[in-house]
């Protein structure tokens, strides 16, 4: 479930989308490589990666889209 309280200090819709999806991903996502039930979050402004698995050392970057399906036409 999305935690909408994280949006209180943002006005831009793109910032809101980023913060909301990053928050959800950090709380709900497992490592797709080694299946560890929790992944870790890099500090803000790290280039290229947003999340990592401290077990298998894989990096992940979250991308969001304004389209519902995430597919751009």
Protein backbone atom coordinates (compact mmCIF):
# COMPACT_ATOMS: atom_id res chain seq x y z
CA UNK A 1 0.00 0.00 0.00
CA UNK A 2 1.20 3.51 -0.77
CA UNK A 3 2.12 5.67 2.18
CA UNK A 4 0.75 9.06 1.08
CA UNK A 5 2.06 10.89 4.14
CA UNK A 6 5.51 10.97 2.47
CA UNK A 7 4.06 13.46 -0.05
CA UNK A 8 3.35 16.27 2.41
CA UNK A 9 6.42 18.36 1.57
CA UNK A 10 6.23 18.03 -2.24
CA UNK A 11 4.25 20.11 -4.73
CA UNK A 12 5.55 18.84 -8.09
CA UNK A 13 3.65 15.84 -9.48
CA UNK A 14 6.86 14.29 -10.80
CA UNK A 15 8.49 14.59 -7.36
CA UNK A 16 5.41 13.09 -5.75
CA UNK A 17 5.49 10.15 -8.17
CA UNK A 18 9.19 9.55 -7.51
CA UNK A 19 8.90 9.75 -3.72
CA UNK A 20 5.77 7.60 -3.58
CA UNK A 21 7.17 4.84 -5.80
CA UNK A 22 10.58 4.85 -4.10
CA UNK A 23 8.94 4.57 -0.70
CA UNK A 24 6.71 1.70 -1.82
CA UNK A 25 9.60 -0.10 -3.54
CA UNK A 26 11.83 0.18 -0.46
CA UNK A 27 9.16 -1.25 1.81
CA UNK A 28 7.75 -3.97 -0.46
CA UNK A 29 10.47 -5.18 -2.85
CA UNK A 30 12.62 -8.26 -2.43
CA UNK A 31 15.83 -9.00 -4.32
CA UNK A 32 14.86 -10.56 -7.67
CA UNK A 33 18.33 -12.10 -7.98
CA UNK A 34 18.81 -13.97 -4.70
CA UNK A 35 15.25 -13.65 -3.31
CA UNK A 36 16.34 -11.99 -0.09
CA UNK A 37 13.10 -10.61 1.38
CA UNK A 38 14.36 -7.02 1.79
CA UNK A 39 16.54 -4.71 -0.29
CA UNK A 40 18.47 -1.67 0.95
CA UNK A 41 18.25 1.96 -0.13
CA UNK A 42 21.26 3.98 -1.28
CA UNK A 43 21.64 7.53 0.02
CA UNK A 44 19.93 10.21 -2.09
CA UNK A 45 21.61 11.43 -5.28
CA UNK A 46 23.66 8.30 -5.93
CA UNK A 47 24.21 8.11 -9.65
CA UNK A 48 22.70 5.18 -11.54
CA UNK A 49 21.40 3.09 -8.61
CA UNK A 50 18.67 3.61 -6.05
CA UNK A 51 18.63 0.26 -4.25
CA UNK A 52 20.96 -2.64 -3.58
CA UNK A 53 20.99 -6.09 -2.12
CA UNK A 54 23.53 -6.41 0.67
CA UNK A 55 23.44 -10.18 0.26
CA UNK A 56 24.25 -10.68 -3.45
CA UNK A 57 25.56 -7.12 -4.08
CA UNK A 58 23.29 -6.35 -7.05
CA UNK A 59 22.23 -2.76 -7.74
CA UNK A 60 18.78 -1.64 -8.87
CA UNK A 61 17.41 1.55 -10.33
CA UNK A 62 13.73 2.42 -10.13
CA UNK A 63 12.15 4.09 -13.16
CA UNK A 64 8.67 5.57 -13.12
CA UNK A 65 6.41 6.66 -15.94
CA UNK A 66 3.33 8.80 -16.16
CA UNK A 67 1.65 6.06 -18.19
CA UNK A 68 -0.30 3.48 -16.22
CA UNK A 69 1.40 0.51 -17.85
CA UNK A 70 4.87 2.02 -17.71
CA UNK A 71 5.13 1.53 -21.47
CA UNK A 72 5.68 4.64 -23.58
CA UNK A 73 4.15 4.76 -27.05
